[in-house]
Structure formats: structure tokens, C-alpha cells
N, C-alpha and C. Protein backbone atom coordinates (compact mmCIF):
# COMPACT_ATOMS: atom_id res chain seq x y z
N MET A 1 -15.14 -9.70 -9.47
CA MET A 1 -14.25 -10.76 -9.02
C MET A 1 -14.43 -11.94 -9.96
N ILE A 2 -13.33 -12.57 -10.25
CA ILE A 2 -13.41 -13.78 -11.06
C ILE A 2 -12.99 -14.96 -10.20
N TYR A 3 -13.45 -16.13 -10.59
CA TYR A 3 -13.15 -17.34 -9.84
C TYR A 3 -12.28 -18.26 -10.68
N THR A 4 -11.06 -18.45 -10.24
CA THR A 4 -10.12 -19.39 -10.85
C THR A 4 -9.49 -20.17 -9.71
N ASP A 5 -8.67 -21.15 -10.04
CA ASP A 5 -7.98 -21.89 -8.98
C ASP A 5 -7.13 -20.94 -8.13
N LYS A 6 -6.48 -19.96 -8.77
CA LYS A 6 -5.62 -19.03 -8.02
C LYS A 6 -6.43 -18.09 -7.14
N THR A 7 -7.55 -17.57 -7.65
CA THR A 7 -8.35 -16.67 -6.81
C THR A 7 -9.02 -17.42 -5.67
N LYS A 8 -9.40 -18.67 -5.92
CA LYS A 8 -9.98 -19.48 -4.84
C LYS A 8 -8.94 -19.75 -3.76
N LYS A 9 -7.70 -20.01 -4.16
CA LYS A 9 -6.62 -20.23 -3.20
C LYS A 9 -6.39 -18.95 -2.39
N ALA A 10 -6.36 -17.80 -3.07
CA ALA A 10 -6.18 -16.52 -2.37
C ALA A 10 -7.33 -16.27 -1.40
N MET A 11 -8.54 -16.62 -1.80
CA MET A 11 -9.70 -16.43 -0.93
C MET A 11 -9.59 -17.30 0.32
N LEU A 12 -9.19 -18.54 0.16
CA LEU A 12 -9.05 -19.43 1.31
C LEU A 12 -7.96 -18.94 2.27
N ILE A 13 -6.85 -18.47 1.72
CA ILE A 13 -5.78 -17.92 2.56
C ILE A 13 -6.29 -16.69 3.30
N MET A 14 -6.98 -15.81 2.59
CA MET A 14 -7.53 -14.59 3.21
C MET A 14 -8.48 -14.95 4.35
N PHE A 15 -9.39 -15.90 4.12
CA PHE A 15 -10.31 -16.31 5.18
C PHE A 15 -9.57 -16.85 6.39
N GLU A 16 -8.56 -17.66 6.16
CA GLU A 16 -7.79 -18.24 7.27
C GLU A 16 -7.04 -17.16 8.05
N LYS A 17 -6.39 -16.24 7.36
CA LYS A 17 -5.55 -15.24 8.02
C LYS A 17 -6.37 -14.17 8.75
N HIS A 18 -7.54 -13.85 8.24
CA HIS A 18 -8.38 -12.80 8.86
C HIS A 18 -9.53 -13.37 9.68
N LYS A 19 -9.56 -14.69 9.91
CA LYS A 19 -10.75 -15.34 10.47
C LYS A 19 -11.23 -14.79 11.80
N ASN A 20 -10.36 -14.33 12.66
CA ASN A 20 -10.78 -13.84 13.98
C ASN A 20 -10.72 -12.31 14.09
N GLN A 21 -10.52 -11.63 12.99
CA GLN A 21 -10.40 -10.18 13.02
C GLN A 21 -11.74 -9.50 12.77
N LEU A 22 -11.90 -8.33 13.40
CA LEU A 22 -13.08 -7.49 13.18
C LEU A 22 -12.62 -6.16 12.58
N ASP A 23 -13.48 -5.55 11.78
CA ASP A 23 -13.15 -4.24 11.23
C ASP A 23 -13.55 -3.14 12.21
N LYS A 24 -13.39 -1.88 11.81
CA LYS A 24 -13.69 -0.76 12.70
C LYS A 24 -15.17 -0.66 13.06
N GLY A 25 -16.02 -1.31 12.26
CA GLY A 25 -17.45 -1.34 12.55
C GLY A 25 -17.85 -2.56 13.36
N ASN A 26 -16.85 -3.34 13.80
CA ASN A 26 -17.07 -4.53 14.61
C ASN A 26 -17.72 -5.67 13.82
N LEU A 27 -17.48 -5.71 12.53
CA LEU A 27 -17.97 -6.78 11.66
C LEU A 27 -16.79 -7.64 11.24
N PRO A 28 -17.04 -8.87 10.78
CA PRO A 28 -15.94 -9.73 10.34
C PRO A 28 -15.09 -9.03 9.27
N TYR A 29 -13.78 -9.00 9.49
CA TYR A 29 -12.88 -8.28 8.60
C TYR A 29 -12.90 -8.82 7.18
N VAL A 30 -13.19 -10.11 7.03
CA VAL A 30 -13.15 -10.73 5.70
C VAL A 30 -14.09 -10.04 4.71
N ASN A 31 -15.10 -9.34 5.21
CA ASN A 31 -16.00 -8.63 4.31
C ASN A 31 -15.27 -7.55 3.50
N HIS A 32 -14.26 -6.93 4.11
CA HIS A 32 -13.55 -5.86 3.42
C HIS A 32 -12.78 -6.36 2.19
N PRO A 33 -11.87 -7.34 2.33
CA PRO A 33 -11.17 -7.79 1.11
C PRO A 33 -12.11 -8.39 0.07
N LEU A 34 -13.17 -9.04 0.52
CA LEU A 34 -14.15 -9.55 -0.45
C LEU A 34 -14.79 -8.42 -1.23
N HIS A 35 -15.16 -7.35 -0.53
CA HIS A 35 -15.76 -6.19 -1.19
C HIS A 35 -14.78 -5.57 -2.20
N VAL A 36 -13.53 -5.43 -1.79
CA VAL A 36 -12.52 -4.85 -2.69
C VAL A 36 -12.35 -5.74 -3.93
N ALA A 37 -12.32 -7.05 -3.72
CA ALA A 37 -12.12 -7.98 -4.84
C ALA A 37 -13.29 -7.99 -5.81
N GLU A 38 -14.48 -7.65 -5.32
CA GLU A 38 -15.66 -7.67 -6.19
C GLU A 38 -15.53 -6.75 -7.40
N SER A 39 -14.73 -5.70 -7.30
CA SER A 39 -14.62 -4.77 -8.43
C SER A 39 -13.43 -5.08 -9.33
N MET A 40 -12.74 -6.18 -9.08
CA MET A 40 -11.59 -6.54 -9.91
C MET A 40 -12.04 -7.38 -11.10
N ASP A 41 -11.31 -7.27 -12.22
CA ASP A 41 -11.74 -7.91 -13.45
C ASP A 41 -10.72 -8.88 -14.04
N ASP A 42 -9.68 -9.19 -13.30
CA ASP A 42 -8.70 -10.16 -13.78
C ASP A 42 -8.13 -10.93 -12.60
N GLU A 43 -7.41 -11.99 -12.90
CA GLU A 43 -6.94 -12.90 -11.86
C GLU A 43 -5.95 -12.27 -10.89
N ILE A 44 -4.95 -11.57 -11.40
CA ILE A 44 -3.93 -11.00 -10.51
C ILE A 44 -4.53 -9.92 -9.62
N SER A 45 -5.35 -9.03 -10.17
CA SER A 45 -5.93 -7.97 -9.33
C SER A 45 -6.92 -8.56 -8.32
N THR A 46 -7.64 -9.62 -8.68
CA THR A 46 -8.54 -10.27 -7.73
C THR A 46 -7.75 -10.87 -6.58
N CYS A 47 -6.68 -11.60 -6.90
CA CYS A 47 -5.84 -12.19 -5.85
C CYS A 47 -5.24 -11.10 -4.96
N ALA A 48 -4.74 -10.05 -5.57
CA ALA A 48 -4.13 -8.95 -4.80
C ALA A 48 -5.18 -8.28 -3.91
N ALA A 49 -6.38 -8.09 -4.43
CA ALA A 49 -7.44 -7.47 -3.62
C ALA A 49 -7.80 -8.35 -2.42
N LEU A 50 -7.90 -9.64 -2.65
CA LEU A 50 -8.25 -10.55 -1.56
C LEU A 50 -7.17 -10.58 -0.48
N LEU A 51 -5.91 -10.45 -0.89
CA LEU A 51 -4.79 -10.59 0.04
C LEU A 51 -4.16 -9.27 0.45
N HIS A 52 -4.73 -8.13 0.04
CA HIS A 52 -4.03 -6.85 0.20
C HIS A 52 -3.72 -6.47 1.64
N ASP A 53 -4.45 -6.99 2.61
CA ASP A 53 -4.17 -6.67 4.01
C ASP A 53 -3.56 -7.82 4.80
N VAL A 54 -3.34 -8.96 4.16
CA VAL A 54 -2.85 -10.13 4.88
C VAL A 54 -1.46 -9.88 5.48
N VAL A 55 -0.52 -9.38 4.69
CA VAL A 55 0.83 -9.15 5.22
C VAL A 55 0.85 -7.95 6.16
N GLU A 56 0.05 -6.94 5.84
CA GLU A 56 0.04 -5.72 6.65
C GLU A 56 -0.63 -5.93 8.01
N ASP A 57 -1.68 -6.73 8.07
CA ASP A 57 -2.50 -6.84 9.28
C ASP A 57 -2.44 -8.19 9.99
N THR A 58 -1.58 -9.09 9.53
CA THR A 58 -1.39 -10.37 10.20
C THR A 58 0.10 -10.63 10.30
N ASP A 59 0.47 -11.77 10.86
CA ASP A 59 1.89 -12.09 10.98
C ASP A 59 2.40 -12.88 9.78
N THR A 60 1.69 -12.84 8.66
CA THR A 60 2.06 -13.54 7.44
C THR A 60 3.12 -12.75 6.68
N SER A 61 4.08 -13.46 6.11
CA SER A 61 5.13 -12.81 5.31
C SER A 61 4.88 -13.04 3.82
N PHE A 62 5.56 -12.27 3.00
CA PHE A 62 5.47 -12.47 1.55
C PHE A 62 5.99 -13.86 1.18
N ASP A 63 7.06 -14.28 1.83
CA ASP A 63 7.62 -15.61 1.56
C ASP A 63 6.61 -16.72 1.87
N GLU A 64 5.86 -16.55 2.94
CA GLU A 64 4.83 -17.54 3.27
C GLU A 64 3.77 -17.62 2.18
N LEU A 65 3.39 -16.46 1.65
CA LEU A 65 2.39 -16.47 0.57
C LEU A 65 2.93 -17.21 -0.65
N LEU A 66 4.20 -16.98 -0.97
CA LEU A 66 4.82 -17.70 -2.08
C LEU A 66 4.83 -19.20 -1.80
N GLN A 67 5.16 -19.58 -0.59
CA GLN A 67 5.20 -21.00 -0.21
C GLN A 67 3.81 -21.63 -0.26
N GLU A 68 2.79 -20.82 0.00
CA GLU A 68 1.41 -21.34 -0.04
C GLU A 68 0.85 -21.38 -1.46
N GLY A 69 1.65 -20.99 -2.45
CA GLY A 69 1.23 -21.11 -3.84
C GLY A 69 0.75 -19.84 -4.50
N ILE A 70 0.87 -18.71 -3.84
CA ILE A 70 0.51 -17.44 -4.48
C ILE A 70 1.64 -17.07 -5.44
N ASP A 71 1.30 -16.73 -6.67
CA ASP A 71 2.33 -16.50 -7.68
C ASP A 71 3.11 -15.22 -7.42
N ALA A 72 4.32 -15.17 -7.97
CA ALA A 72 5.25 -14.06 -7.73
C ALA A 72 4.70 -12.72 -8.21
N LYS A 73 3.95 -12.70 -9.31
CA LYS A 73 3.39 -11.44 -9.81
C LYS A 73 2.44 -10.83 -8.78
N THR A 74 1.60 -11.67 -8.19
CA THR A 74 0.66 -11.18 -7.18
C THR A 74 1.41 -10.69 -5.95
N VAL A 75 2.41 -11.44 -5.52
CA VAL A 75 3.19 -11.04 -4.35
C VAL A 75 3.92 -9.73 -4.62
N ASP A 76 4.41 -9.53 -5.84
CA ASP A 76 5.05 -8.24 -6.18
C ASP A 76 4.07 -7.08 -6.03
N VAL A 77 2.83 -7.29 -6.46
CA VAL A 77 1.81 -6.24 -6.29
C VAL A 77 1.55 -6.01 -4.80
N LEU A 78 1.49 -7.07 -4.03
CA LEU A 78 1.26 -6.94 -2.59
C LEU A 78 2.40 -6.18 -1.91
N ARG A 79 3.62 -6.37 -2.38
CA ARG A 79 4.76 -5.62 -1.82
C ARG A 79 4.57 -4.12 -2.06
N VAL A 80 4.08 -3.78 -3.24
CA VAL A 80 3.84 -2.37 -3.58
C VAL A 80 2.69 -1.82 -2.72
N LEU A 81 1.69 -2.63 -2.45
CA LEU A 81 0.52 -2.19 -1.70
C LEU A 81 0.74 -2.09 -0.20
N LYS A 82 1.80 -2.68 0.30
CA LYS A 82 2.03 -2.67 1.75
C LYS A 82 2.50 -1.29 2.21
N HIS A 83 1.74 -0.70 3.11
CA HIS A 83 2.10 0.59 3.69
C HIS A 83 3.09 0.34 4.82
N GLN A 84 4.30 0.84 4.67
CA GLN A 84 5.35 0.64 5.67
C GLN A 84 5.08 1.51 6.89
N LYS A 85 5.41 0.97 8.06
CA LYS A 85 5.25 1.75 9.29
C LYS A 85 6.10 3.01 9.20
N ASN A 86 5.57 4.11 9.72
CA ASN A 86 6.23 5.42 9.75
C ASN A 86 6.43 6.02 8.36
N GLN A 87 5.81 5.46 7.33
CA GLN A 87 5.91 6.04 5.99
C GLN A 87 4.78 7.05 5.80
N ASP A 88 5.13 8.23 5.32
CA ASP A 88 4.13 9.24 5.01
C ASP A 88 3.09 8.64 4.06
N TYR A 89 1.81 8.88 4.34
CA TYR A 89 0.75 8.26 3.55
C TYR A 89 0.77 8.70 2.08
N TYR A 90 1.01 9.96 1.84
CA TYR A 90 1.04 10.44 0.46
C TYR A 90 2.26 9.90 -0.29
N GLU A 91 3.35 9.70 0.41
CA GLU A 91 4.53 9.08 -0.21
C GLU A 91 4.21 7.62 -0.57
N TYR A 92 3.50 6.95 0.31
CA TYR A 92 3.05 5.58 0.04
C TYR A 92 2.18 5.54 -1.23
N ILE A 93 1.24 6.46 -1.33
CA ILE A 93 0.36 6.51 -2.50
C ILE A 93 1.19 6.81 -3.76
N TYR A 94 2.13 7.72 -3.65
CA TYR A 94 3.03 8.02 -4.76
C TYR A 94 3.77 6.76 -5.20
N ASN A 95 4.30 6.01 -4.25
CA ASN A 95 5.10 4.82 -4.56
C ASN A 95 4.31 3.75 -5.29
N LEU A 96 3.03 3.64 -5.02
CA LEU A 96 2.25 2.61 -5.71
C LEU A 96 1.61 3.12 -7.00
N SER A 97 1.72 4.41 -7.27
CA SER A 97 0.93 5.03 -8.34
C SER A 97 1.36 4.70 -9.76
N MET A 98 2.46 4.01 -9.96
CA MET A 98 2.87 3.64 -11.31
C MET A 98 2.62 2.15 -11.60
N ASN A 99 2.02 1.44 -10.65
CA ASN A 99 1.68 0.02 -10.83
C ASN A 99 0.17 -0.07 -11.05
N ILE A 100 -0.23 -0.37 -12.26
CA ILE A 100 -1.65 -0.31 -12.62
C ILE A 100 -2.52 -1.24 -11.77
N ILE A 101 -2.01 -2.41 -11.44
CA ILE A 101 -2.80 -3.33 -10.61
C ILE A 101 -2.92 -2.80 -9.19
N ALA A 102 -1.81 -2.31 -8.64
CA ALA A 102 -1.85 -1.73 -7.30
C ALA A 102 -2.81 -0.54 -7.26
N VAL A 103 -2.82 0.27 -8.30
CA VAL A 103 -3.72 1.43 -8.35
C VAL A 103 -5.17 0.97 -8.36
N LYS A 104 -5.50 -0.04 -9.18
CA LYS A 104 -6.87 -0.55 -9.21
C LYS A 104 -7.32 -1.05 -7.84
N VAL A 105 -6.45 -1.83 -7.19
CA VAL A 105 -6.80 -2.38 -5.88
C VAL A 105 -6.93 -1.26 -4.85
N LYS A 106 -6.00 -0.31 -4.87
CA LYS A 106 -6.02 0.76 -3.86
C LYS A 106 -7.25 1.65 -4.04
N ILE A 107 -7.66 1.91 -5.26
CA ILE A 107 -8.87 2.70 -5.48
C ILE A 107 -10.07 2.00 -4.84
N ALA A 108 -10.23 0.71 -5.10
CA ALA A 108 -11.35 -0.03 -4.52
C ALA A 108 -11.24 -0.08 -3.00
N ASP A 109 -10.03 -0.22 -2.48
CA ASP A 109 -9.79 -0.22 -1.04
C ASP A 109 -10.18 1.11 -0.41
N LEU A 110 -9.76 2.21 -1.02
CA LEU A 110 -10.09 3.53 -0.49
C LEU A 110 -11.58 3.82 -0.55
N ILE A 111 -12.22 3.40 -1.62
CA ILE A 111 -13.67 3.62 -1.74
C ILE A 111 -14.39 2.90 -0.60
N HIS A 112 -14.03 1.65 -0.37
CA HIS A 112 -14.69 0.90 0.70
C HIS A 112 -14.35 1.47 2.07
N ASN A 113 -13.09 1.85 2.28
CA ASN A 113 -12.69 2.42 3.56
C ASN A 113 -13.27 3.82 3.79
N SER A 114 -13.77 4.45 2.75
CA SER A 114 -14.39 5.77 2.89
C SER A 114 -15.87 5.68 3.23
N ASP A 115 -16.42 4.50 3.23
CA ASP A 115 -17.84 4.30 3.51
C ASP A 115 -18.07 4.37 5.03
N LEU A 116 -18.44 5.53 5.51
CA LEU A 116 -18.62 5.73 6.94
C LEU A 116 -19.84 5.02 7.51
N THR A 117 -20.72 4.52 6.66
CA THR A 117 -21.87 3.77 7.16
C THR A 117 -21.43 2.43 7.76
N ARG A 118 -20.21 2.02 7.50
CA ARG A 118 -19.67 0.79 8.09
C ARG A 118 -19.38 0.96 9.58
N LEU A 119 -19.23 2.20 10.03
CA LEU A 119 -18.83 2.46 11.41
C LEU A 119 -20.06 2.67 12.30
N GLN A 120 -19.91 2.31 13.56
CA GLN A 120 -21.00 2.53 14.52
C GLN A 120 -21.06 4.00 14.92
N ASP A 121 -19.90 4.59 15.15
CA ASP A 121 -19.79 6.00 15.51
C ASP A 121 -18.73 6.63 14.62
N VAL A 122 -19.03 7.82 14.11
CA VAL A 122 -18.09 8.52 13.24
C VAL A 122 -17.45 9.65 14.03
N SER A 123 -16.12 9.62 14.08
CA SER A 123 -15.38 10.63 14.83
C SER A 123 -14.80 11.68 13.87
N LYS A 124 -14.26 12.75 14.44
CA LYS A 124 -13.57 13.76 13.62
C LYS A 124 -12.36 13.14 12.93
N LYS A 125 -11.71 12.21 13.61
CA LYS A 125 -10.56 11.51 13.02
C LYS A 125 -10.99 10.72 11.79
N ASP A 126 -12.16 10.08 11.84
CA ASP A 126 -12.69 9.34 10.69
C ASP A 126 -12.95 10.28 9.52
N LEU A 127 -13.56 11.43 9.82
CA LEU A 127 -13.85 12.41 8.77
C LEU A 127 -12.57 12.94 8.13
N LYS A 128 -11.57 13.19 8.95
CA LYS A 128 -10.28 13.67 8.43
C LYS A 128 -9.62 12.59 7.56
N ARG A 129 -9.70 11.34 7.99
CA ARG A 129 -9.13 10.24 7.21
C ARG A 129 -9.83 10.13 5.85
N VAL A 130 -11.14 10.25 5.84
CA VAL A 130 -11.88 10.16 4.58
C VAL A 130 -11.52 11.33 3.66
N ASP A 131 -11.30 12.50 4.20
CA ASP A 131 -10.85 13.63 3.37
C ASP A 131 -9.51 13.31 2.71
N LYS A 132 -8.61 12.72 3.47
CA LYS A 132 -7.31 12.31 2.91
C LYS A 132 -7.52 11.27 1.80
N TYR A 133 -8.42 10.33 2.05
CA TYR A 133 -8.70 9.30 1.05
C TYR A 133 -9.28 9.90 -0.23
N LYS A 134 -10.12 10.92 -0.10
CA LYS A 134 -10.70 11.56 -1.28
C LYS A 134 -9.61 12.17 -2.15
N ILE A 135 -8.64 12.82 -1.54
CA ILE A 135 -7.52 13.39 -2.28
C ILE A 135 -6.79 12.28 -3.03
N CYS A 136 -6.53 11.19 -2.34
CA CYS A 136 -5.80 10.07 -2.95
C CYS A 136 -6.63 9.42 -4.05
N LEU A 137 -7.94 9.31 -3.85
CA LEU A 137 -8.81 8.74 -4.88
C LEU A 137 -8.80 9.56 -6.16
N LEU A 138 -8.86 10.87 -6.02
CA LEU A 138 -8.81 11.73 -7.21
C LEU A 138 -7.49 11.54 -7.96
N PHE A 139 -6.41 11.54 -7.22
CA PHE A 139 -5.10 11.36 -7.83
C PHE A 139 -4.99 9.98 -8.48
N LEU A 140 -5.34 8.92 -7.76
CA LEU A 140 -5.19 7.56 -8.29
C LEU A 140 -6.13 7.29 -9.46
N SER A 141 -7.32 7.87 -9.44
CA SER A 141 -8.24 7.71 -10.57
C SER A 141 -7.65 8.31 -11.83
N HIS A 142 -7.04 9.46 -11.69
CA HIS A 142 -6.38 10.09 -12.82
C HIS A 142 -5.18 9.25 -13.27
N GLN A 143 -4.41 8.75 -12.32
CA GLN A 143 -3.27 7.89 -12.65
C GLN A 143 -3.73 6.67 -13.43
N LEU A 144 -4.82 6.05 -12.99
CA LEU A 144 -5.32 4.86 -13.67
C LEU A 144 -5.67 5.16 -15.12
N CYS A 145 -6.30 6.29 -15.36
CA CYS A 145 -6.63 6.69 -16.74
C CYS A 145 -5.36 6.85 -17.58
N LEU A 146 -4.35 7.51 -17.01
CA LEU A 146 -3.10 7.70 -17.73
C LEU A 146 -2.39 6.37 -17.99
N LEU A 147 -2.36 5.51 -17.01
CA LEU A 147 -1.70 4.21 -17.16
C LEU A 147 -2.42 3.35 -18.19
N LYS A 148 -3.75 3.35 -18.16
CA LYS A 148 -4.51 2.57 -19.14
C LYS A 148 -4.30 3.10 -20.56
N ALA A 149 -4.10 4.40 -20.68
CA ALA A 149 -3.86 5.01 -21.99
C ALA A 149 -2.38 4.91 -22.40
N ASN A 150 -1.59 4.26 -21.56
CA ASN A 150 -0.16 4.10 -21.78
C ASN A 150 0.57 5.44 -21.88
N GLU A 151 0.08 6.43 -21.15
CA GLU A 151 0.69 7.75 -21.07
C GLU A 151 1.64 7.76 -19.87
N LEU A 152 2.70 6.97 -19.95
CA LEU A 152 3.58 6.77 -18.81
C LEU A 152 4.34 8.02 -18.40
N ASP A 153 4.76 8.82 -19.37
CA ASP A 153 5.47 10.05 -19.03
C ASP A 153 4.56 11.02 -18.27
N LEU A 154 3.32 11.16 -18.75
CA LEU A 154 2.37 12.03 -18.05
C LEU A 154 2.04 11.48 -16.67
N ALA A 155 1.91 10.16 -16.56
CA ALA A 155 1.62 9.55 -15.27
C ALA A 155 2.76 9.81 -14.29
N GLN A 156 3.99 9.67 -14.76
CA GLN A 156 5.13 9.91 -13.88
C GLN A 156 5.20 11.37 -13.47
N GLN A 157 4.96 12.27 -14.41
CA GLN A 157 4.96 13.70 -14.11
C GLN A 157 3.86 14.04 -13.11
N ASN A 158 2.67 13.49 -13.32
CA ASN A 158 1.55 13.72 -12.43
C ASN A 158 1.87 13.23 -11.01
N ALA A 159 2.47 12.06 -10.92
CA ALA A 159 2.82 11.48 -9.62
C ALA A 159 3.87 12.33 -8.90
N MET A 160 4.86 12.80 -9.64
CA MET A 160 5.91 13.62 -9.03
C MET A 160 5.34 14.94 -8.53
N GLU A 161 4.45 15.55 -9.31
CA GLU A 161 3.82 16.80 -8.88
C GLU A 161 2.96 16.59 -7.64
N PHE A 162 2.24 15.48 -7.60
CA PHE A 162 1.41 15.17 -6.44
C PHE A 162 2.27 15.08 -5.17
N LEU A 163 3.36 14.34 -5.25
CA LEU A 163 4.22 14.16 -4.08
C LEU A 163 4.90 15.47 -3.70
N GLU A 164 5.42 16.18 -4.67
CA GLU A 164 6.14 17.43 -4.38
C GLU A 164 5.22 18.45 -3.72
N LYS A 165 4.02 18.57 -4.23
CA LYS A 165 3.10 19.55 -3.67
C LYS A 165 2.61 19.13 -2.29
N HIS A 166 2.49 17.83 -2.08
CA HIS A 166 2.13 17.38 -0.73
C HIS A 166 3.26 17.70 0.25
N LYS A 167 4.49 17.47 -0.17
CA LYS A 167 5.63 17.73 0.71
C LYS A 167 5.71 19.20 1.11
N ASN A 168 5.23 20.08 0.26
CA ASN A 168 5.23 21.50 0.56
C ASN A 168 4.03 21.91 1.41
N ASN A 169 3.23 20.92 1.83
CA ASN A 169 2.07 21.16 2.70
C ASN A 169 1.12 22.21 2.16
N LYS A 170 0.82 22.12 0.90
CA LYS A 170 -0.09 23.08 0.29
C LYS A 170 -1.47 22.45 0.11
N THR A 171 -2.46 23.29 -0.05
CA THR A 171 -3.84 22.84 -0.23
C THR A 171 -4.01 22.21 -1.60
N ILE A 172 -4.70 21.08 -1.64
CA ILE A 172 -4.91 20.38 -2.90
C ILE A 172 -6.28 20.77 -3.46
N TRP A 173 -6.32 21.02 -4.75
CA TRP A 173 -7.57 21.36 -5.41
C TRP A 173 -7.52 20.83 -6.83
N LEU A 174 -8.62 20.91 -7.53
CA LEU A 174 -8.71 20.39 -8.89
C LEU A 174 -8.67 21.51 -9.91
N LYS A 175 -8.05 21.25 -11.02
CA LYS A 175 -7.96 22.22 -12.10
C LYS A 175 -8.14 21.49 -13.42
N LYS A 176 -8.81 22.10 -14.34
CA LYS A 176 -8.98 21.52 -15.66
C LYS A 176 -8.02 22.25 -16.61
N PRO A 177 -6.90 21.64 -16.97
CA PRO A 177 -5.94 22.31 -17.84
C PRO A 177 -6.39 22.34 -19.30
N HIS A 178 -5.55 22.90 -20.12
CA HIS A 178 -5.89 23.14 -21.52
C HIS A 178 -6.23 21.87 -22.29
N HIS A 179 -5.62 20.74 -21.96
CA HIS A 179 -5.88 19.54 -22.75
C HIS A 179 -7.09 18.74 -22.24
N LYS A 180 -7.97 19.39 -21.50
CA LYS A 180 -9.28 18.86 -21.11
C LYS A 180 -9.22 17.59 -20.26
N VAL A 181 -8.18 17.47 -19.46
CA VAL A 181 -8.10 16.37 -18.51
C VAL A 181 -7.99 16.97 -17.13
N TRP A 182 -8.78 16.46 -16.20
CA TRP A 182 -8.72 16.97 -14.83
C TRP A 182 -7.44 16.50 -14.16
N PHE A 183 -6.72 17.42 -13.58
CA PHE A 183 -5.52 17.10 -12.85
C PHE A 183 -5.67 17.50 -11.40
N LEU A 184 -4.94 16.86 -10.56
CA LEU A 184 -4.90 17.21 -9.15
C LEU A 184 -3.73 18.16 -8.97
N TYR A 185 -4.00 19.36 -8.52
CA TYR A 185 -2.98 20.36 -8.31
C TYR A 185 -3.00 20.84 -6.88
N VAL A 186 -1.98 21.51 -6.53
CA VAL A 186 -1.87 22.10 -5.21
C VAL A 186 -1.55 23.56 -5.38
N LYS A 187 -2.16 24.39 -4.56
CA LYS A 187 -1.85 25.81 -4.69
C LYS A 187 -1.22 26.33 -3.42
């Protein structure tokens, strides 16, 4: 996490909006966005990490964030990161998978949300959710590598294959293809 006037503003907004919320482990919710932001290395991704659940989990709108001084680039990333109600989770992951900042934030979010030690009791539903997150983490980690390498065509192809194979309800597994890069495939 970096500290600038913009990230400090995002942090203050995050604290205000989540101040009375608790996470699934019954701890102050603000710990989660702070943890996600800790792995960010630039201003926009830090702001997005701090605010990634504000619109989704509070009554705050994107317009309000803009009015409070959050820049349009950060709000655009937050729009991509917002999981719409009744939207298939894998479709949501597909939709954010071509935005490098959204991918960075979502990877850190999924890693933290996969930490079952945060919970007091772990249910079968929690285990199933973490399995889903692992699939998404593998896919998004690969996407991040492709996006950083500016391999946009491969990233788009990889994203389309991920979504198509999920829609066919097939089992996801890993395969190492000829060009020595691990891909997420479905059989």
C-alpha cells in the first residue's frame, strides 16, 4: 500500500462507510480492505482495494464517491469490480479479467477471503466457496501474467475459454501446453 493524498482520502471514506460492519469472523470489516490494499503497489490499485466493497456492501453510489473526490479512473475500476446481484460468479470474473487493476485487486481479495482462519466455524459452504475462489485465483493469476506481458490476444482467448468451459459445467483442471505456460482448462 502506498500513502498519497488520494489513498488517504480513500482510506477515510472506507473507514466511514464500513465503520459499524463486521466480517464473517465477527471482526471489524475494515480489516479486510486494509489487508487487500497492503499488496497494492500504485495509487489507483490502492484506492480501488480500499474501496472495493464500499458500493457493493453499503448504500454508497459511484456518483457519491466521485463527489467525495475519488477520481474517475478509480471509480471505473470499482464499477468493474462490483459483482451484480444475480450475476453468475464466473461470468463476473470473466468480465473483470481484462482490466489489469481489477485483476490485481480481485486476486488480493480472493486470497484474503480464502483464509478460513478468519472464521470462527468453517462450514461445507465455506469450503465450497474457497474451492470456487481457487479456480478463479488460478485463472486471474494467469490473466495478470498475460496482461503484464501485453499479450492481450492470448488474455482475451484465455478469458473466453474460461467462461465457455464454465458455462458447459465441466470440471476445471490445469494443463501445461506446449509453450510452457500453465493454462486453466476444462475437460
